[in-house]
Amino acid sequence: MDPIVKEFFEREKDADVRLEVLPNGTRYLSEKCVKFNRLHEWFRPLSEAQIDELQRDVNAAQRASYVFPAWYRNFLQTTNGCNLYFGSLSLYGAQSPTVVTESGSMKELLERDDPGWMAPYDLCFSGSAKFDPAAGARWLTLGSYGYDGTMVVWDFKTEKIAAMYKLPVTMSVKALKAMKEADYEKMICGQWDSFDAFFMQETERLRAAVSQYGVDKEKGFLHRGKALPIGHKDRDALE
């Protein structure tokens, strides 16, 4: 298990929050935001077999050949993805309607509005493999920033975590297919040497931003675009 991630969620239990424990995870509820009071969402960890299955599903869905590094497997064994600071930052995981009940039985929940259903954003359809085949499966999208969808990616070439601008939804299929590896490199707006460094820096930054700028109680995100990573072109413009 990832001790840094585990320590973070344990420490956050001491904050001014109310815990809502569900079969597939725990919600950290805060009254600082009216519309979206979920400060954090932690999801039930995956087993080794479930991580293997997720890796197969991701590769099948994205026509890729990703091999999850050991640190990522440790993360998924700590929490199956997570949503942090009122959805300002989300890390993806295995989205399954299967819930393990308190008695240990399995229950299939097909309706997402069922009060017992809880799951992260789906890693399988995070749009990682949208670049020129010559680039190979270089970037695996691990999550995103809630303000504008800026992606959090693992770079298999540099072995760094990066923040990467999201492609415009209006971009044509033709233009998308024409993009090269160098075009994607230009979309990187921030980098960290490791996942732990990324997680520590961004959770500390977002905690400070919530304290300093507060949260838009109606929209449910941090004010002034401060949820965006340092280096993002819109960060300081959104005052």
Protein backbone atom coordinates (compact mmCIF):
# COMPACT_ATOMS: atom_id res chain seq x y z
CA MET A 1 0.00 0.00 0.00
CA ASP A 2 1.10 3.59 -0.59
CA PRO A 3 1.90 5.01 2.88
CA ILE A 4 1.68 8.64 1.74
CA VAL A 5 -1.81 8.22 0.30
CA LYS A 6 -2.95 6.15 3.29
CA GLU A 7 -1.60 8.74 5.72
CA PHE A 8 -3.41 11.51 3.86
CA PHE A 9 -6.84 9.89 4.20
CA GLU A 10 -6.22 8.94 7.82
CA ARG A 11 -5.18 12.49 8.63
CA GLU A 12 -8.21 13.98 6.89
CA LYS A 13 -10.50 12.06 9.26
CA ASP A 14 -9.39 14.49 11.96
CA ALA A 15 -10.54 17.50 9.95
CA ASP A 16 -13.92 19.15 10.43
CA VAL A 17 -15.75 16.54 8.36
CA ARG A 18 -18.45 13.93 8.71
CA LEU A 19 -17.72 10.44 7.37
CA GLU A 20 -20.33 8.58 5.34
CA VAL A 21 -19.24 4.95 5.05
CA LEU A 22 -20.70 2.99 2.12
CA PRO A 23 -19.97 -0.56 0.91
CA ASN A 24 -17.51 0.63 -1.76
CA GLY A 25 -15.82 3.50 0.06
CA THR A 26 -16.10 6.53 2.31
CA ARG A 27 -17.23 10.08 1.68
CA TYR A 28 -15.66 12.91 3.67
CA LEU A 29 -18.48 15.44 3.94
CA SER A 30 -17.98 19.14 4.66
CA GLU A 31 -20.47 21.98 5.01
CA LYS A 32 -18.09 24.45 3.33
CA CYS A 33 -19.84 23.76 0.05
CA VAL A 34 -23.64 23.64 -0.31
CA LYS A 35 -23.98 22.10 -3.76
CA PHE A 36 -21.25 19.46 -3.54
CA ASN A 37 -20.36 18.77 0.08
CA ARG A 38 -18.02 15.84 -0.61
CA LEU A 39 -14.62 17.10 0.45
CA HIS A 40 -13.01 13.77 -0.48
CA GLU A 41 -14.12 10.37 -1.74
CA TRP A 42 -12.05 7.29 -0.93
CA PHE A 43 -12.86 4.00 -2.67
CA ARG A 44 -12.45 0.41 -1.50
CA PRO A 45 -8.94 -0.82 -2.54
CA LEU A 46 -8.46 -3.34 -5.31
CA SER A 47 -6.88 -6.75 -4.92
CA GLU A 48 -3.95 -7.92 -7.07
CA ALA A 49 -6.36 -9.93 -9.24
CA GLN A 50 -8.66 -6.91 -9.67
CA ILE A 51 -5.70 -4.72 -10.67
CA ASP A 52 -4.66 -7.32 -13.27
CA GLU A 53 -8.22 -7.31 -14.60
CA LEU A 54 -8.28 -3.50 -14.71
CA GLN A 55 -5.00 -3.44 -16.64
CA ARG A 56 -6.45 -5.87 -19.19
CA ASP A 57 -9.65 -3.83 -19.49
CA VAL A 58 -7.74 -0.57 -19.97
CA ASN A 59 -5.58 -2.07 -22.73
CA ALA A 60 -8.60 -3.62 -24.44
CA ALA A 61 -10.61 -0.39 -24.32
CA GLN A 62 -7.73 1.83 -25.48
CA ARG A 63 -6.00 -0.64 -27.83
CA ALA A 64 -2.80 -0.18 -25.88
CA SER A 65 -0.24 -2.28 -24.02
CA TYR A 66 0.21 -0.47 -20.72
CA VAL A 67 1.97 -2.23 -17.86
CA PHE A 68 1.03 -0.64 -14.55
CA PRO A 69 4.19 0.31 -12.60
CA ALA A 70 4.59 -0.98 -9.02
CA TRP A 71 3.80 2.40 -7.44
CA TYR A 72 0.48 2.58 -9.31
CA ARG A 73 -0.48 -0.89 -8.21
CA ASN A 74 0.34 0.19 -4.63
CA PHE A 75 -1.93 3.20 -5.06
CA LEU A 76 -4.84 1.06 -6.27
CA GLN A 77 -4.27 -1.27 -3.32
CA THR A 78 -4.67 1.79 -1.07
CA THR A 79 -7.68 3.35 -2.78
CA ASN A 80 -9.40 2.52 -6.07
CA GLY A 81 -8.99 6.08 -7.30
CA CYS A 82 -10.22 9.11 -5.34
CA ASN A 83 -11.86 12.52 -5.61
CA LEU A 84 -10.18 15.31 -3.64
CA TYR A 85 -11.17 18.78 -2.43
CA PHE A 86 -14.73 18.98 -3.72
CA GLY A 87 -13.80 17.30 -7.00
CA SER A 88 -10.97 19.73 -7.76
CA LEU A 89 -8.70 16.75 -8.46
CA SER A 90 -9.80 13.22 -9.34
CA LEU A 91 -7.73 10.07 -9.81
CA TYR A 92 -9.44 7.29 -11.74
CA GLY A 93 -9.93 3.63 -10.98
CA ALA A 94 -12.05 0.57 -11.77
CA GLN A 95 -15.67 1.59 -12.13
CA SER A 96 -17.87 -1.36 -11.33
CA PRO A 97 -21.51 -1.56 -10.27
CA THR A 98 -20.65 -4.50 -8.01
CA VAL A 99 -20.94 -3.74 -4.31
CA VAL A 100 -19.73 -5.97 -1.48
CA THR A 101 -22.36 -5.84 1.26
CA GLU A 102 -21.61 -6.02 4.99
CA SER A 103 -22.55 -9.70 5.00
CA GLY A 104 -19.92 -10.34 2.32
CA SER A 105 -22.37 -11.11 -0.47
CA MET A 106 -22.15 -9.49 -3.91
CA LYS A 107 -24.89 -7.23 -5.21
CA GLU A 108 -25.16 -5.88 -8.75
CA LEU A 109 -26.34 -2.28 -8.82
CA LEU A 110 -27.35 -1.18 -12.30
CA GLU A 111 -28.72 2.24 -11.31
CA ARG A 112 -26.11 4.82 -10.38
CA ASP A 113 -28.57 6.79 -8.29
CA ASP A 114 -28.85 3.88 -5.86
CA PRO A 115 -27.72 5.31 -2.47
CA GLY A 116 -25.36 2.36 -1.99
CA TRP A 117 -23.53 2.81 -5.31
CA MET A 118 -20.14 4.51 -5.20
CA ALA A 119 -17.32 4.34 -7.74
CA PRO A 120 -14.46 6.44 -9.16
CA TYR A 121 -14.26 7.83 -12.66
CA ASP A 122 -13.49 5.05 -15.10
CA LEU A 123 -9.81 4.53 -15.94
CA CYS A 124 -10.73 2.37 -18.94
CA PHE A 125 -12.19 5.29 -20.86
CA SER A 126 -9.86 8.08 -19.81
CA GLY A 127 -8.73 8.67 -23.40
CA SER A 128 -5.05 7.89 -22.90
CA ALA A 129 -4.21 6.37 -26.28
CA LYS A 130 -5.22 9.11 -28.71
CA PHE A 131 -1.85 9.82 -30.27
CA ASP A 132 0.02 8.73 -33.34
CA PRO A 133 0.81 4.97 -33.18
CA ALA A 134 4.47 5.82 -33.70
CA ALA A 135 4.47 7.34 -30.21
CA GLY A 136 3.42 4.06 -28.66
CA ALA A 137 1.47 3.85 -25.41
CA ARG A 138 3.50 6.61 -23.80
CA TRP A 139 1.00 8.50 -21.66
CA LEU A 140 -1.52 6.82 -19.38
CA THR A 141 -4.18 9.23 -18.10
CA LEU A 142 -4.52 8.67 -14.35
CA GLY A 143 -6.94 11.47 -13.51
CA SER A 144 -7.90 15.08 -14.12
CA TYR A 145 -8.50 18.49 -12.58
CA GLY A 146 -12.17 19.30 -12.16
CA TYR A 147 -12.02 22.90 -13.32
CA ASP A 148 -11.34 22.25 -17.01
CA GLY A 149 -10.38 18.59 -17.35
CA THR A 150 -6.61 19.12 -17.46
CA MET A 151 -5.24 15.57 -17.38
CA VAL A 152 -2.91 13.91 -14.89
CA VAL A 153 -0.77 11.45 -16.84
CA TRP A 154 2.04 8.96 -16.26
CA ASP A 155 4.82 9.34 -18.84
CA PHE A 156 6.39 5.94 -19.48
CA LYS A 157 9.31 7.53 -21.35
CA THR A 158 10.45 10.02 -18.67
CA GLU A 159 8.93 8.11 -15.73
CA LYS A 160 7.35 11.33 -14.46
CA ILE A 161 3.85 12.46 -13.61
CA ALA A 162 2.67 15.32 -15.82
CA ALA A 163 -0.25 17.70 -16.10
CA MET A 164 -1.40 17.87 -19.72
CA TYR A 165 -3.96 20.15 -21.34
CA LYS A 166 -7.11 18.39 -22.47
CA LEU A 167 -7.81 18.24 -26.21
CA PRO A 168 -10.73 20.44 -27.34
CA VAL A 169 -13.99 18.50 -27.69
CA THR A 170 -14.50 20.26 -31.04
CA MET A 171 -11.30 18.81 -32.49
CA SER A 172 -12.00 16.80 -35.63
CA VAL A 173 -11.09 13.14 -35.98
CA LYS A 174 -8.83 14.06 -38.88
CA ALA A 175 -6.91 16.61 -36.81
CA LEU A 176 -6.70 14.17 -33.92
CA LYS A 177 -5.19 11.45 -36.08
CA ALA A 178 -2.66 13.93 -37.47
CA MET A 179 -1.22 14.71 -34.03
CA LYS A 180 2.31 13.48 -33.36
CA GLU A 181 4.16 12.70 -30.18
CA ALA A 182 5.82 16.13 -30.22
CA ASP A 183 2.38 17.79 -30.37
CA TYR A 184 1.41 16.06 -27.15
CA GLU A 185 4.67 17.06 -25.50
CA LYS A 186 3.72 20.71 -26.11
CA MET A 187 0.51 20.13 -24.13
CA ILE A 188 2.40 19.39 -20.90
CA CYS A 189 2.03 22.24 -18.39
CA GLY A 190 3.59 20.71 -15.27
CA GLN A 191 5.73 17.75 -14.15
CA TRP A 192 6.64 15.88 -10.98
CA ASP A 193 9.48 13.39 -10.48
CA SER A 194 7.24 10.76 -8.87
CA PHE A 195 3.64 10.00 -8.00
CA ASP A 196 4.30 10.53 -4.29
CA ALA A 197 5.83 13.94 -5.02
CA PHE A 198 2.80 14.83 -7.14
CA PHE A 199 0.31 13.64 -4.53
CA MET A 200 2.03 15.42 -1.63
CA GLN A 201 2.51 18.71 -3.49
CA GLU A 202 -0.97 18.91 -4.97
CA THR A 203 -2.88 17.91 -1.84
CA GLU A 204 -0.90 20.45 0.21
CA ARG A 205 -1.50 23.13 -2.43
CA LEU A 206 -5.22 22.42 -2.69
CA ARG A 207 -5.63 22.33 1.10
CA ALA A 208 -4.00 25.78 1.31
CA ALA A 209 -6.15 27.06 -1.57
CA VAL A 210 -9.36 25.97 0.14
CA SER A 211 -8.25 27.76 3.29
CA GLN A 212 -7.16 30.94 1.49
CA TYR A 213 -9.73 31.33 -1.28
CA GLY A 214 -12.67 29.29 -0.04
CA VAL A 215 -15.06 27.34 -2.22
CA ASP A 216 -17.80 28.56 -4.53
CA LYS A 217 -20.78 27.20 -2.60
CA GLU A 218 -22.95 27.07 -5.70
CA LYS A 219 -20.52 25.77 -8.33
CA GLY A 220 -18.67 23.47 -5.95
CA PHE A 221 -15.07 24.24 -6.95
CA LEU A 222 -12.27 26.42 -5.64
CA HIS A 223 -12.50 30.12 -6.50
CA ARG A 224 -10.34 31.89 -9.10
CA GLY A 225 -9.18 28.80 -10.92
CA LYS A 226 -6.76 27.99 -8.08
CA ALA A 227 -7.65 24.32 -8.47
CA LEU A 228 -5.56 24.37 -11.64
CA PRO A 229 -1.95 23.15 -11.40
CA ILE A 230 0.87 25.67 -11.24
CA GLY A 231 2.04 26.34 -14.80
CA HIS A 232 -1.45 26.16 -16.33
CA LYS A 233 -1.98 29.03 -18.78
CA ASP A 234 -5.31 30.09 -17.21
CA ARG A 235 -4.33 29.82 -13.56
CA ASP A 236 -3.41 33.43 -12.85
CA ALA A 237 -5.85 34.86 -15.39
CA LEU A 238 -8.86 33.47 -13.54
CA GLU A 239 -8.99 36.12 -10.81
